[in-house]
């Protein structure tokens, strides 16, 4: 970018200042719509009232997003999962996205809550077998251990590994159904059991039957 944009002598350039005033006026009109300025304050000049209005606007935006983490990539999913390690397992736990520090999880609620916290779209449902169907419907699910694909996903932080006793795509909930979040190429984070709670486990400690990347998350 040309250094002339930062040349203070341009404040004496009428043509340049006309563009500046137009930009300031547009910003002031937006602030007026937000109720942060009065009609008489829309003058194209960056004075104290406009600066104060901008500060209030930024404060509002920070307050709006401060209770939610930012970004949605696989590493963020894995990181937030790891932050829950040590919390208890309670089957049937239901959480809201605005709960920044849940006290307990079950396996699928851990996945659903993390996705909700990041605002992942399409929204992740509850239930591990329903979550796999969701991933498969959006073309990121793999329905069998075919070696190369499962190994790829098992090395992808933030991807999901599933263990089902029967086909999750057809019929009711499998008798045994579980989901975990890949942390690195050797570990998953999972709400494992009443005994263990949320833990980091070796991928090799369980026979996984299905895998998926979460739709809407960058890997």
N, C-alpha and C. Protein backbone atom coordinates (compact mmCIF):
# COMPACT_ATOMS: atom_id res chain seq x y z
N UNK A 1 0.85 -1.20 0.00
CA UNK A 1 0.00 0.00 0.00
C UNK A 1 0.88 1.25 0.00
N UNK A 2 0.55 2.22 -0.78
CA UNK A 2 1.37 3.41 -0.94
C UNK A 2 1.49 4.18 0.37
N UNK A 3 2.71 4.65 0.67
CA UNK A 3 2.93 5.42 1.89
C UNK A 3 2.26 6.77 1.85
N UNK A 4 1.86 7.22 0.63
CA UNK A 4 1.21 8.53 0.54
C UNK A 4 -0.11 8.56 1.29
N UNK A 5 -0.70 7.38 1.55
CA UNK A 5 -1.93 7.34 2.31
C UNK A 5 -1.73 7.81 3.74
N UNK A 6 -0.49 7.74 4.19
CA UNK A 6 -0.19 8.12 5.56
C UNK A 6 0.48 9.49 5.65
N UNK A 7 0.50 10.20 4.53
CA UNK A 7 1.14 11.51 4.49
C UNK A 7 0.18 12.55 5.07
N UNK A 8 0.57 13.14 6.23
CA UNK A 8 -0.31 14.08 6.91
C UNK A 8 -0.61 15.32 6.07
N UNK A 9 0.22 15.58 5.06
CA UNK A 9 -0.03 16.76 4.24
C UNK A 9 -1.32 16.63 3.45
N UNK A 10 -1.85 15.42 3.34
CA UNK A 10 -3.07 15.22 2.56
C UNK A 10 -4.28 15.85 3.24
N UNK A 11 -4.18 16.20 4.52
CA UNK A 11 -5.31 16.86 5.18
C UNK A 11 -5.58 18.21 4.53
N UNK A 12 -4.60 18.73 3.79
CA UNK A 12 -4.79 20.01 3.10
C UNK A 12 -5.27 19.81 1.67
N UNK A 13 -5.52 18.57 1.30
CA UNK A 13 -6.00 18.26 -0.05
C UNK A 13 -7.53 18.23 -0.02
N UNK A 14 -8.22 19.23 -0.58
CA UNK A 14 -9.69 19.29 -0.51
C UNK A 14 -10.36 18.05 -1.06
N UNK A 15 -9.83 17.53 -2.16
CA UNK A 15 -10.45 16.35 -2.77
C UNK A 15 -10.37 15.15 -1.82
N UNK A 16 -9.19 14.97 -1.21
CA UNK A 16 -9.01 13.86 -0.27
C UNK A 16 -9.93 14.02 0.93
N UNK A 17 -10.01 15.21 1.49
CA UNK A 17 -10.82 15.45 2.68
C UNK A 17 -12.31 15.29 2.39
N UNK A 18 -12.71 15.56 1.14
CA UNK A 18 -14.11 15.33 0.77
C UNK A 18 -14.48 13.86 0.92
N UNK A 19 -13.56 12.98 0.48
CA UNK A 19 -13.79 11.54 0.62
C UNK A 19 -13.82 11.14 2.10
N UNK A 20 -12.95 11.73 2.90
CA UNK A 20 -12.92 11.41 4.34
C UNK A 20 -14.23 11.82 4.99
N UNK A 21 -14.68 13.03 4.70
CA UNK A 21 -15.92 13.52 5.30
C UNK A 21 -17.11 12.67 4.88
N UNK A 22 -17.10 12.21 3.62
CA UNK A 22 -18.20 11.36 3.15
C UNK A 22 -18.20 10.04 3.92
N UNK A 23 -17.02 9.47 4.13
CA UNK A 23 -16.92 8.20 4.87
C UNK A 23 -17.36 8.38 6.32
N UNK A 24 -16.94 9.50 6.94
CA UNK A 24 -17.33 9.76 8.33
C UNK A 24 -18.84 9.95 8.42
N UNK A 25 -19.40 10.66 7.46
CA UNK A 25 -20.85 10.89 7.48
C UNK A 25 -21.63 9.57 7.36
N UNK A 26 -21.15 8.67 6.49
CA UNK A 26 -21.80 7.36 6.35
C UNK A 26 -21.77 6.61 7.68
N UNK A 27 -20.60 6.66 8.35
CA UNK A 27 -20.48 6.01 9.66
C UNK A 27 -21.39 6.65 10.68
N UNK A 28 -21.48 7.97 10.65
CA UNK A 28 -22.36 8.68 11.59
C UNK A 28 -23.83 8.33 11.36
N UNK A 29 -24.21 8.17 10.11
CA UNK A 29 -25.60 7.80 9.81
C UNK A 29 -25.92 6.41 10.36
N UNK A 30 -24.94 5.50 10.32
CA UNK A 30 -25.14 4.18 10.90
C UNK A 30 -25.26 4.27 12.42
N UNK A 31 -24.45 5.13 13.02
CA UNK A 31 -24.52 5.33 14.46
C UNK A 31 -25.85 5.97 14.86
N UNK A 32 -26.36 6.84 13.99
CA UNK A 32 -27.66 7.46 14.23
C UNK A 32 -28.76 6.39 14.23
N UNK A 33 -28.67 5.45 13.28
CA UNK A 33 -29.65 4.36 13.21
C UNK A 33 -29.61 3.51 14.47
N UNK A 34 -28.43 3.38 15.09
CA UNK A 34 -28.27 2.59 16.30
C UNK A 34 -28.67 3.36 17.55
N UNK A 35 -29.05 4.63 17.38
CA UNK A 35 -29.42 5.44 18.52
C UNK A 35 -28.23 5.94 19.33
N UNK A 36 -27.04 5.90 18.72
CA UNK A 36 -25.83 6.31 19.42
C UNK A 36 -25.43 7.75 19.13
N UNK A 37 -26.07 8.36 18.15
CA UNK A 37 -25.85 9.77 17.84
C UNK A 37 -27.20 10.45 17.65
N UNK A 38 -27.20 11.77 17.79
CA UNK A 38 -28.39 12.57 17.51
C UNK A 38 -28.27 13.15 16.10
N UNK A 39 -29.40 13.51 15.48
CA UNK A 39 -29.35 14.02 14.10
C UNK A 39 -28.37 15.17 13.91
N UNK A 40 -28.26 16.03 14.90
CA UNK A 40 -27.35 17.17 14.76
C UNK A 40 -25.88 16.80 14.79
N UNK A 41 -25.58 15.56 15.17
CA UNK A 41 -24.19 15.13 15.25
C UNK A 41 -23.65 14.60 13.91
N UNK A 42 -24.56 14.45 12.93
CA UNK A 42 -24.14 13.94 11.62
C UNK A 42 -23.63 15.10 10.80
N UNK A 43 -22.31 15.34 10.90
CA UNK A 43 -21.72 16.52 10.26
C UNK A 43 -20.48 16.19 9.43
N UNK A 44 -20.13 14.89 9.33
CA UNK A 44 -18.96 14.52 8.54
C UNK A 44 -17.64 14.79 9.23
N UNK A 45 -17.68 15.15 10.51
CA UNK A 45 -16.46 15.44 11.26
C UNK A 45 -16.29 14.43 12.39
N UNK A 46 -15.09 13.94 12.53
CA UNK A 46 -14.80 12.94 13.56
C UNK A 46 -14.47 13.65 14.87
N UNK A 47 -15.52 14.17 15.50
CA UNK A 47 -15.36 14.89 16.75
C UNK A 47 -15.54 14.00 17.96
N UNK A 48 -15.54 14.60 19.17
CA UNK A 48 -15.63 13.83 20.41
C UNK A 48 -16.91 12.99 20.50
N UNK A 49 -18.06 13.53 20.05
CA UNK A 49 -19.30 12.77 20.15
C UNK A 49 -19.28 11.53 19.26
N UNK A 50 -18.74 11.67 18.06
CA UNK A 50 -18.65 10.52 17.16
C UNK A 50 -17.68 9.48 17.72
N UNK A 51 -16.55 9.93 18.25
CA UNK A 51 -15.58 9.00 18.83
C UNK A 51 -16.19 8.25 20.02
N UNK A 52 -16.95 8.96 20.84
CA UNK A 52 -17.60 8.31 21.99
C UNK A 52 -18.65 7.31 21.52
N UNK A 53 -19.39 7.65 20.48
CA UNK A 53 -20.41 6.74 19.95
C UNK A 53 -19.77 5.47 19.40
N UNK A 54 -18.64 5.63 18.71
CA UNK A 54 -17.93 4.46 18.20
C UNK A 54 -17.43 3.58 19.33
N UNK A 55 -16.95 4.18 20.40
CA UNK A 55 -16.48 3.41 21.55
C UNK A 55 -17.62 2.62 22.17
N UNK A 56 -18.81 3.25 22.28
CA UNK A 56 -19.96 2.54 22.84
C UNK A 56 -20.39 1.39 21.94
N UNK A 57 -20.33 1.62 20.60
CA UNK A 57 -20.69 0.57 19.66
C UNK A 57 -19.76 -0.63 19.79
N UNK A 58 -18.45 -0.37 19.86
CA UNK A 58 -17.48 -1.45 19.99
C UNK A 58 -17.68 -2.19 21.30
N UNK A 59 -18.00 -1.47 22.37
CA UNK A 59 -18.24 -2.11 23.67
C UNK A 59 -19.45 -3.03 23.60
N UNK A 60 -20.49 -2.60 22.89
CA UNK A 60 -21.68 -3.44 22.72
C UNK A 60 -21.34 -4.71 21.96
N UNK A 61 -20.55 -4.57 20.91
CA UNK A 61 -20.19 -5.74 20.10
C UNK A 61 -19.34 -6.71 20.93
N UNK A 62 -18.40 -6.19 21.73
CA UNK A 62 -17.58 -7.06 22.56
C UNK A 62 -18.45 -7.81 23.56
N UNK A 63 -19.41 -7.11 24.16
CA UNK A 63 -20.29 -7.75 25.14
C UNK A 63 -21.13 -8.83 24.48
N UNK A 64 -21.54 -8.60 23.24
CA UNK A 64 -22.39 -9.55 22.53
C UNK A 64 -21.66 -10.85 22.27
N UNK A 65 -20.37 -10.78 21.91
CA UNK A 65 -19.65 -11.99 21.52
C UNK A 65 -18.73 -12.53 22.60
N UNK A 66 -18.59 -11.83 23.74
CA UNK A 66 -17.61 -12.23 24.73
C UNK A 66 -17.91 -13.58 25.36
N UNK A 67 -19.17 -14.01 25.35
CA UNK A 67 -19.53 -15.28 25.96
C UNK A 67 -19.40 -16.45 25.01
N UNK A 68 -18.92 -16.20 23.80
CA UNK A 68 -18.77 -17.26 22.82
C UNK A 68 -17.35 -17.27 22.29
N UNK A 69 -16.77 -18.47 22.09
CA UNK A 69 -15.44 -18.53 21.48
C UNK A 69 -15.53 -18.14 20.01
N UNK A 70 -14.36 -17.82 19.46
CA UNK A 70 -14.31 -17.36 18.08
C UNK A 70 -13.54 -18.38 17.24
N UNK A 71 -13.96 -18.55 16.02
CA UNK A 71 -13.33 -19.41 15.02
C UNK A 71 -13.95 -20.80 15.05
N UNK A 72 -13.86 -21.48 13.95
CA UNK A 72 -14.40 -22.82 13.85
C UNK A 72 -13.54 -23.65 12.92
N UNK A 73 -12.45 -24.17 13.43
CA UNK A 73 -11.65 -25.12 12.69
C UNK A 73 -11.49 -26.36 13.57
N UNK A 74 -10.98 -27.42 12.98
CA UNK A 74 -10.86 -28.66 13.73
C UNK A 74 -10.06 -28.52 15.00
N UNK A 75 -8.99 -27.74 14.96
CA UNK A 75 -8.16 -27.57 16.15
C UNK A 75 -8.93 -26.87 17.27
N UNK A 76 -9.82 -25.94 16.91
CA UNK A 76 -10.63 -25.27 17.93
C UNK A 76 -11.59 -26.24 18.59
N UNK A 77 -12.19 -27.13 17.79
CA UNK A 77 -13.08 -28.15 18.34
C UNK A 77 -12.32 -29.02 19.33
N UNK A 78 -11.13 -29.47 18.93
CA UNK A 78 -10.32 -30.33 19.80
C UNK A 78 -9.89 -29.59 21.06
N UNK A 79 -9.52 -28.33 20.92
CA UNK A 79 -9.07 -27.56 22.08
C UNK A 79 -10.17 -27.39 23.11
N UNK A 80 -11.37 -27.01 22.64
CA UNK A 80 -12.46 -26.80 23.58
C UNK A 80 -12.88 -28.12 24.23
N UNK A 81 -12.80 -29.20 23.49
CA UNK A 81 -13.08 -30.52 24.08
C UNK A 81 -12.09 -30.81 25.20
N UNK A 82 -10.81 -30.54 24.95
CA UNK A 82 -9.78 -30.83 25.96
C UNK A 82 -9.97 -30.00 27.22
N UNK A 83 -10.53 -28.81 27.07
CA UNK A 83 -10.76 -27.96 28.24
C UNK A 83 -11.82 -28.54 29.17
N UNK A 84 -12.58 -29.52 28.70
CA UNK A 84 -13.64 -30.12 29.52
C UNK A 84 -13.14 -31.37 30.26
N UNK A 85 -11.90 -31.76 30.03
CA UNK A 85 -11.36 -32.97 30.68
C UNK A 85 -11.45 -32.83 32.21
N UNK A 86 -11.89 -33.89 32.85
CA UNK A 86 -12.03 -33.90 34.30
C UNK A 86 -13.45 -33.71 34.78
N UNK A 87 -14.34 -33.29 33.89
CA UNK A 87 -15.74 -33.09 34.28
C UNK A 87 -16.46 -34.44 34.28
N UNK A 88 -17.50 -34.57 35.07
CA UNK A 88 -18.19 -35.86 35.17
C UNK A 88 -19.06 -36.18 33.97
N UNK A 89 -19.38 -37.47 33.85
CA UNK A 89 -20.29 -37.98 32.84
C UNK A 89 -21.67 -38.12 33.47
N UNK A 90 -22.66 -37.49 32.85
CA UNK A 90 -24.05 -37.66 33.28
C UNK A 90 -24.87 -37.93 32.02
N UNK A 91 -25.40 -39.17 31.92
CA UNK A 91 -26.14 -39.54 30.74
C UNK A 91 -27.41 -38.70 30.63
N UNK A 92 -27.73 -38.25 29.43
CA UNK A 92 -28.92 -37.47 29.20
C UNK A 92 -28.78 -35.99 29.48
N UNK A 93 -27.56 -35.53 29.73
CA UNK A 93 -27.32 -34.11 29.97
C UNK A 93 -27.76 -33.28 28.78
N UNK A 94 -28.48 -32.19 29.05
CA UNK A 94 -28.90 -31.25 28.00
C UNK A 94 -28.34 -29.88 28.33
N UNK A 95 -27.66 -29.25 27.37
CA UNK A 95 -26.99 -27.98 27.60
C UNK A 95 -27.43 -26.94 26.59
N UNK A 96 -27.32 -25.67 26.98
CA UNK A 96 -27.57 -24.56 26.07
C UNK A 96 -26.24 -23.95 25.64
N UNK A 97 -26.24 -23.36 24.47
CA UNK A 97 -25.00 -22.80 23.91
C UNK A 97 -24.44 -21.69 24.78
N UNK A 98 -25.29 -20.95 25.51
CA UNK A 98 -24.79 -19.83 26.30
C UNK A 98 -24.23 -20.28 27.64
N UNK A 99 -24.23 -21.57 27.91
CA UNK A 99 -23.60 -22.10 29.12
C UNK A 99 -22.11 -22.26 28.85
N UNK A 100 -21.32 -21.33 29.35
CA UNK A 100 -19.89 -21.31 29.02
C UNK A 100 -19.08 -22.32 29.82
N UNK A 101 -19.64 -22.86 30.89
CA UNK A 101 -18.86 -23.77 31.75
C UNK A 101 -19.76 -24.87 32.30
N UNK A 102 -20.17 -25.81 31.45
CA UNK A 102 -21.05 -26.88 31.91
C UNK A 102 -20.39 -27.73 33.00
N UNK A 103 -21.22 -28.31 33.83
CA UNK A 103 -20.70 -29.11 34.93
C UNK A 103 -20.56 -30.58 34.56
N UNK A 104 -21.22 -31.03 33.49
CA UNK A 104 -21.18 -32.45 33.12
C UNK A 104 -21.59 -32.62 31.67
N UNK A 105 -21.25 -33.80 31.11
CA UNK A 105 -21.57 -34.13 29.72
C UNK A 105 -21.90 -35.61 29.60
N UNK A 106 -22.60 -35.97 28.52
CA UNK A 106 -22.50 -37.33 28.02
C UNK A 106 -21.80 -37.23 26.67
N UNK A 107 -21.58 -38.36 26.00
CA UNK A 107 -20.68 -38.33 24.84
C UNK A 107 -21.19 -37.44 23.71
N UNK A 108 -22.46 -37.55 23.39
CA UNK A 108 -22.97 -36.78 22.25
C UNK A 108 -23.23 -35.33 22.62
N UNK A 109 -23.54 -35.08 23.90
CA UNK A 109 -23.78 -33.69 24.30
C UNK A 109 -22.49 -32.89 24.27
N UNK A 110 -21.36 -33.53 24.53
CA UNK A 110 -20.07 -32.86 24.41
C UNK A 110 -19.88 -32.34 22.99
N UNK A 111 -20.19 -33.18 22.01
CA UNK A 111 -20.06 -32.79 20.60
C UNK A 111 -21.06 -31.70 20.26
N UNK A 112 -22.31 -31.90 20.64
CA UNK A 112 -23.36 -30.93 20.31
C UNK A 112 -23.06 -29.57 20.93
N UNK A 113 -22.66 -29.56 22.20
CA UNK A 113 -22.41 -28.30 22.91
C UNK A 113 -21.24 -27.54 22.27
N UNK A 114 -20.16 -28.25 21.95
CA UNK A 114 -19.00 -27.58 21.35
C UNK A 114 -19.40 -26.96 20.02
N UNK A 115 -20.13 -27.68 19.20
CA UNK A 115 -20.58 -27.13 17.92
C UNK A 115 -21.48 -25.92 18.12
N UNK A 116 -22.36 -26.00 19.11
CA UNK A 116 -23.25 -24.87 19.39
C UNK A 116 -22.47 -23.66 19.87
N UNK A 117 -21.44 -23.88 20.68
CA UNK A 117 -20.64 -22.77 21.19
C UNK A 117 -19.95 -22.02 20.05
N UNK A 118 -19.55 -22.76 19.03
CA UNK A 118 -18.89 -22.13 17.89
C UNK A 118 -19.87 -21.67 16.82
N UNK A 119 -21.15 -21.93 17.03
CA UNK A 119 -22.13 -21.53 16.03
C UNK A 119 -22.02 -22.29 14.73
N UNK A 120 -21.59 -23.55 14.81
CA UNK A 120 -21.40 -24.35 13.60
C UNK A 120 -22.73 -24.55 12.89
N UNK A 121 -22.73 -24.31 11.59
CA UNK A 121 -23.89 -24.54 10.74
C UNK A 121 -23.52 -25.50 9.63
N UNK A 122 -24.35 -26.50 9.33
CA UNK A 122 -25.65 -26.79 9.93
C UNK A 122 -25.52 -27.24 11.38
N UNK A 123 -26.56 -26.99 12.18
CA UNK A 123 -26.52 -27.28 13.60
C UNK A 123 -26.38 -28.78 13.86
N UNK A 124 -25.49 -29.10 14.80
CA UNK A 124 -25.28 -30.50 15.17
C UNK A 124 -26.39 -30.96 16.11
N UNK A 125 -27.05 -32.07 15.79
CA UNK A 125 -28.10 -32.59 16.68
C UNK A 125 -27.51 -33.36 17.85
N UNK A 126 -28.38 -33.86 18.72
CA UNK A 126 -27.97 -34.69 19.85
C UNK A 126 -28.11 -36.16 19.45
N UNK A 127 -27.46 -37.04 20.22
CA UNK A 127 -27.52 -38.47 19.95
C UNK A 127 -26.42 -38.88 19.00
N UNK A 128 -25.52 -39.76 19.45
CA UNK A 128 -24.35 -40.08 18.63
C UNK A 128 -24.72 -40.68 17.28
N UNK A 129 -25.72 -41.56 17.23
CA UNK A 129 -26.10 -42.15 15.94
C UNK A 129 -26.79 -41.14 15.04
N UNK A 130 -27.52 -40.19 15.64
CA UNK A 130 -28.14 -39.13 14.85
C UNK A 130 -27.06 -38.17 14.35
N UNK A 131 -26.03 -37.96 15.16
CA UNK A 131 -24.92 -37.12 14.73
C UNK A 131 -24.20 -37.73 13.53
N UNK A 132 -24.04 -39.07 13.53
CA UNK A 132 -23.41 -39.67 12.37
C UNK A 132 -24.30 -39.52 11.13
N UNK A 133 -25.59 -39.71 11.30
CA UNK A 133 -26.51 -39.52 10.17
C UNK A 133 -26.42 -38.09 9.64
N UNK A 134 -26.33 -37.14 10.57
CA UNK A 134 -26.20 -35.73 10.18
C UNK A 134 -24.94 -35.53 9.34
N UNK A 135 -23.83 -36.10 9.80
CA UNK A 135 -22.57 -35.96 9.06
C UNK A 135 -22.66 -36.67 7.70
N UNK A 136 -23.26 -37.85 7.69
CA UNK A 136 -23.38 -38.59 6.43
C UNK A 136 -24.28 -37.86 5.44
N UNK A 137 -25.34 -37.25 5.95
CA UNK A 137 -26.26 -36.51 5.08
C UNK A 137 -25.55 -35.33 4.42
N UNK A 138 -24.58 -34.78 5.11
CA UNK A 138 -23.83 -33.65 4.55
C UNK A 138 -22.48 -34.11 3.98
N UNK A 139 -22.42 -35.41 3.68
CA UNK A 139 -21.30 -35.98 2.89
C UNK A 139 -19.96 -35.96 3.59
N UNK A 140 -19.94 -35.99 4.93
CA UNK A 140 -18.65 -36.05 5.61
C UNK A 140 -18.51 -37.32 6.45
N UNK A 141 -19.50 -38.21 6.39
CA UNK A 141 -19.46 -39.42 7.20
C UNK A 141 -18.95 -40.62 6.43
N UNK A 142 -18.24 -41.51 7.10
CA UNK A 142 -17.75 -42.74 6.49
C UNK A 142 -18.39 -43.90 7.24
N UNK A 143 -18.99 -44.80 6.53
CA UNK A 143 -19.86 -45.80 7.14
C UNK A 143 -19.17 -47.11 7.47
N UNK A 144 -17.87 -47.19 7.29
CA UNK A 144 -17.20 -48.43 7.67
C UNK A 144 -15.72 -48.13 7.90
N UNK A 145 -15.08 -49.06 8.58
CA UNK A 145 -13.64 -48.93 8.77
C UNK A 145 -12.96 -49.45 7.51
N UNK A 146 -12.61 -48.54 6.63
CA UNK A 146 -12.02 -48.98 5.36
C UNK A 146 -10.53 -48.71 5.32
N UNK A 147 -9.94 -48.52 6.49
CA UNK A 147 -8.50 -48.37 6.57
C UNK A 147 -8.04 -46.96 6.31
N UNK A 148 -7.87 -46.57 5.04
CA UNK A 148 -7.26 -45.29 4.70
C UNK A 148 -8.10 -44.11 5.18
N UNK A 149 -9.42 -44.18 4.97
CA UNK A 149 -10.28 -43.06 5.37
C UNK A 149 -10.31 -42.93 6.88
N UNK A 150 -10.50 -44.05 7.58
CA UNK A 150 -10.55 -43.99 9.03
C UNK A 150 -9.23 -43.49 9.61
N UNK A 151 -8.12 -43.93 9.03
CA UNK A 151 -6.82 -43.47 9.51
C UNK A 151 -6.66 -41.97 9.27
N UNK A 152 -7.16 -41.50 8.13
CA UNK A 152 -7.10 -40.06 7.83
C UNK A 152 -7.88 -39.27 8.87
N UNK A 153 -9.10 -39.67 9.13
CA UNK A 153 -9.93 -38.95 10.09
C UNK A 153 -9.39 -39.09 11.51
N UNK A 154 -8.81 -40.24 11.81
CA UNK A 154 -8.25 -40.46 13.15
C UNK A 154 -7.04 -39.58 13.41
N UNK A 155 -6.49 -38.98 12.38
CA UNK A 155 -5.35 -38.07 12.53
C UNK A 155 -5.78 -36.62 12.35
N UNK A 156 -7.08 -36.37 12.31
CA UNK A 156 -7.61 -35.04 12.04
C UNK A 156 -8.20 -34.45 13.31
N UNK A 157 -7.50 -33.53 13.99
CA UNK A 157 -8.07 -32.93 15.21
C UNK A 157 -9.44 -32.31 14.95
N UNK A 158 -10.39 -32.62 15.83
CA UNK A 158 -11.74 -32.09 15.71
C UNK A 158 -12.67 -32.99 14.92
N UNK A 159 -12.15 -34.03 14.26
CA UNK A 159 -13.02 -35.00 13.59
C UNK A 159 -13.66 -35.90 14.64
N UNK A 160 -14.62 -36.70 14.21
CA UNK A 160 -15.37 -37.56 15.13
C UNK A 160 -15.11 -39.03 14.81
N UNK A 161 -14.98 -39.83 15.87
CA UNK A 161 -14.93 -41.27 15.74
C UNK A 161 -16.12 -41.85 16.49
N UNK A 162 -16.75 -42.86 15.89
CA UNK A 162 -17.95 -43.46 16.46
C UNK A 162 -17.74 -44.96 16.67
N UNK A 163 -18.44 -45.49 17.66
CA UNK A 163 -18.46 -46.93 17.90
C UNK A 163 -19.91 -47.37 18.02
N UNK A 164 -20.38 -48.13 17.04
CA UNK A 164 -21.78 -48.58 17.02
C UNK A 164 -21.83 -50.11 16.97
N UNK A 165 -22.84 -50.66 17.61
CA UNK A 165 -23.02 -52.11 17.59
C UNK A 165 -23.80 -52.57 16.37
N UNK A 166 -24.42 -51.63 15.66
CA UNK A 166 -25.16 -51.95 14.44
C UNK A 166 -25.18 -50.73 13.54
N UNK A 167 -25.75 -50.86 12.37
CA UNK A 167 -25.77 -49.79 11.38
C UNK A 167 -26.56 -48.59 11.89
N UNK A 168 -25.91 -47.42 12.06
CA UNK A 168 -26.63 -46.25 12.57
C UNK A 168 -27.51 -45.57 11.53
N UNK A 169 -27.36 -45.95 10.28
CA UNK A 169 -28.10 -45.29 9.21
C UNK A 169 -29.50 -45.88 9.02
N UNK A 170 -29.73 -47.04 9.58
CA UNK A 170 -31.02 -47.70 9.39
C UNK A 170 -31.53 -48.24 10.72
N UNK A 171 -32.80 -48.07 10.96
CA UNK A 171 -33.41 -48.60 12.17
C UNK A 171 -33.22 -47.70 13.37
N UNK A 172 -33.54 -48.20 14.55
CA UNK A 172 -33.46 -47.41 15.78
C UNK A 172 -32.03 -47.24 16.25
N UNK A 173 -31.89 -46.61 17.39
CA UNK A 173 -30.58 -46.41 17.99
C UNK A 173 -29.89 -47.75 18.20
N UNK A 174 -28.62 -47.86 17.78
CA UNK A 174 -27.88 -49.09 18.08
C UNK A 174 -27.85 -49.35 19.59
N UNK A 175 -27.81 -50.61 19.96
CA UNK A 175 -27.79 -50.95 21.38
C UNK A 175 -26.61 -50.28 22.09
N UNK A 176 -25.48 -50.25 21.41
CA UNK A 176 -24.30 -49.57 21.93
C UNK A 176 -23.92 -48.47 20.95
N UNK A 177 -23.80 -47.23 21.44
CA UNK A 177 -23.50 -46.10 20.56
C UNK A 177 -22.63 -45.10 21.32
N UNK A 178 -21.55 -44.67 20.69
CA UNK A 178 -20.62 -43.77 21.36
C UNK A 178 -19.93 -42.89 20.34
N UNK A 179 -19.56 -41.67 20.75
CA UNK A 179 -18.83 -40.75 19.88
C UNK A 179 -17.72 -40.08 20.67
N UNK A 180 -16.61 -39.82 20.01
CA UNK A 180 -15.47 -39.14 20.62
C UNK A 180 -14.90 -38.14 19.63
N UNK A 181 -14.14 -37.18 20.15
CA UNK A 181 -13.54 -36.11 19.34
C UNK A 181 -12.04 -36.35 19.23
N UNK A 182 -11.54 -36.40 18.01
CA UNK A 182 -10.11 -36.62 17.80
C UNK A 182 -9.33 -35.42 18.34
N UNK A 183 -8.35 -35.70 19.19
CA UNK A 183 -7.49 -34.63 19.74
C UNK A 183 -6.19 -34.53 18.95
N UNK A 184 -5.55 -35.65 18.73
CA UNK A 184 -4.35 -35.69 17.88
C UNK A 184 -4.30 -37.08 17.25
N UNK A 185 -3.18 -37.44 16.65
CA UNK A 185 -3.15 -38.70 15.90
C UNK A 185 -3.10 -39.93 16.79
N UNK A 186 -3.09 -39.74 18.10
CA UNK A 186 -3.08 -40.89 19.02
C UNK A 186 -4.20 -40.85 20.05
N UNK A 187 -4.88 -39.71 20.19
CA UNK A 187 -5.83 -39.56 21.28
C UNK A 187 -7.17 -38.99 20.82
N UNK A 188 -8.20 -39.33 21.57
CA UNK A 188 -9.50 -38.69 21.46
C UNK A 188 -9.84 -38.09 22.82
N UNK A 189 -10.74 -37.10 22.80
CA UNK A 189 -11.37 -36.62 24.02
C UNK A 189 -12.80 -37.12 23.99
N UNK A 190 -13.24 -37.73 25.09
CA UNK A 190 -14.57 -38.32 25.12
C UNK A 190 -15.17 -38.23 26.51
N UNK A 191 -16.49 -38.05 26.54
CA UNK A 191 -17.24 -38.26 27.78
C UNK A 191 -17.47 -39.75 27.84
N UNK A 192 -16.63 -40.44 28.58
CA UNK A 192 -16.48 -41.89 28.42
C UNK A 192 -17.49 -42.71 29.19
N UNK A 193 -17.63 -42.43 30.48
CA UNK A 193 -18.50 -43.25 31.33
C UNK A 193 -18.72 -42.55 32.66
N UNK A 194 -19.66 -43.09 33.46
CA UNK A 194 -19.89 -42.53 34.79
C UNK A 194 -18.62 -42.64 35.63
N UNK A 195 -17.87 -43.69 35.43
CA UNK A 195 -16.65 -43.92 36.21
C UNK A 195 -15.54 -42.96 35.81
N UNK A 196 -15.38 -42.73 34.50
CA UNK A 196 -14.23 -41.98 33.99
C UNK A 196 -14.50 -40.50 33.76
N UNK A 197 -15.73 -40.12 33.43
CA UNK A 197 -16.03 -38.74 33.08
C UNK A 197 -15.44 -38.37 31.73
N UNK A 198 -15.11 -37.11 31.57
CA UNK A 198 -14.49 -36.63 30.32
C UNK A 198 -12.99 -36.85 30.42
N UNK A 199 -12.46 -37.59 29.49
CA UNK A 199 -11.04 -37.97 29.55
C UNK A 199 -10.41 -37.87 28.17
N UNK A 200 -9.08 -37.88 28.15
CA UNK A 200 -8.33 -38.05 26.91
C UNK A 200 -7.88 -39.50 26.86
N UNK A 201 -8.29 -40.22 25.82
CA UNK A 201 -8.02 -41.65 25.72
C UNK A 201 -7.22 -41.95 24.46
N UNK A 202 -6.54 -43.08 24.48
CA UNK A 202 -5.86 -43.55 23.28
C UNK A 202 -6.89 -43.96 22.24
N UNK A 203 -6.67 -43.58 21.00
CA UNK A 203 -7.56 -44.01 19.93
C UNK A 203 -7.62 -45.53 19.86
N UNK A 204 -6.51 -46.16 20.14
CA UNK A 204 -6.42 -47.62 20.05
C UNK A 204 -7.15 -48.34 21.17
N UNK A 205 -7.68 -47.60 22.14
CA UNK A 205 -8.33 -48.25 23.29
C UNK A 205 -9.75 -48.72 22.98
N UNK A 206 -10.28 -48.37 21.83
CA UNK A 206 -11.64 -48.77 21.47
C UNK A 206 -11.69 -49.12 19.99
N UNK A 207 -12.58 -50.04 19.63
CA UNK A 207 -12.75 -50.39 18.22
C UNK A 207 -13.79 -49.46 17.62
N UNK A 208 -13.32 -48.51 16.85
CA UNK A 208 -14.21 -47.55 16.21
C UNK A 208 -14.77 -48.14 14.92
N UNK A 209 -16.03 -47.87 14.65
CA UNK A 209 -16.68 -48.44 13.48
C UNK A 209 -16.99 -47.42 12.40
N UNK A 210 -17.09 -46.14 12.77
CA UNK A 210 -17.46 -45.09 11.82
C UNK A 210 -16.66 -43.82 12.14
N UNK A 211 -16.58 -42.94 11.16
CA UNK A 211 -15.86 -41.68 11.36
C UNK A 211 -16.51 -40.58 10.54
N UNK A 212 -16.26 -39.34 10.93
CA UNK A 212 -16.81 -38.21 10.18
C UNK A 212 -16.06 -36.94 10.53
N UNK A 213 -16.09 -36.02 9.59
CA UNK A 213 -15.72 -34.64 9.88
C UNK A 213 -17.00 -33.86 10.08
N UNK A 214 -16.97 -32.89 10.97
CA UNK A 214 -18.17 -32.14 11.31
C UNK A 214 -18.51 -31.17 10.18
N UNK A 215 -19.69 -31.26 9.59
CA UNK A 215 -20.08 -30.31 8.54
C UNK A 215 -20.06 -28.88 9.07
N UNK A 216 -19.49 -27.98 8.30
CA UNK A 216 -19.42 -26.58 8.70
C UNK A 216 -18.15 -26.21 9.41
N UNK A 217 -17.26 -27.19 9.66
CA UNK A 217 -15.99 -26.94 10.33
C UNK A 217 -14.87 -27.08 9.30
N UNK A 218 -13.91 -26.18 9.35
CA UNK A 218 -12.77 -26.22 8.43
C UNK A 218 -11.70 -27.15 8.97
N UNK A 219 -11.19 -28.02 8.10
CA UNK A 219 -10.13 -28.97 8.50
C UNK A 219 -8.93 -28.80 7.59
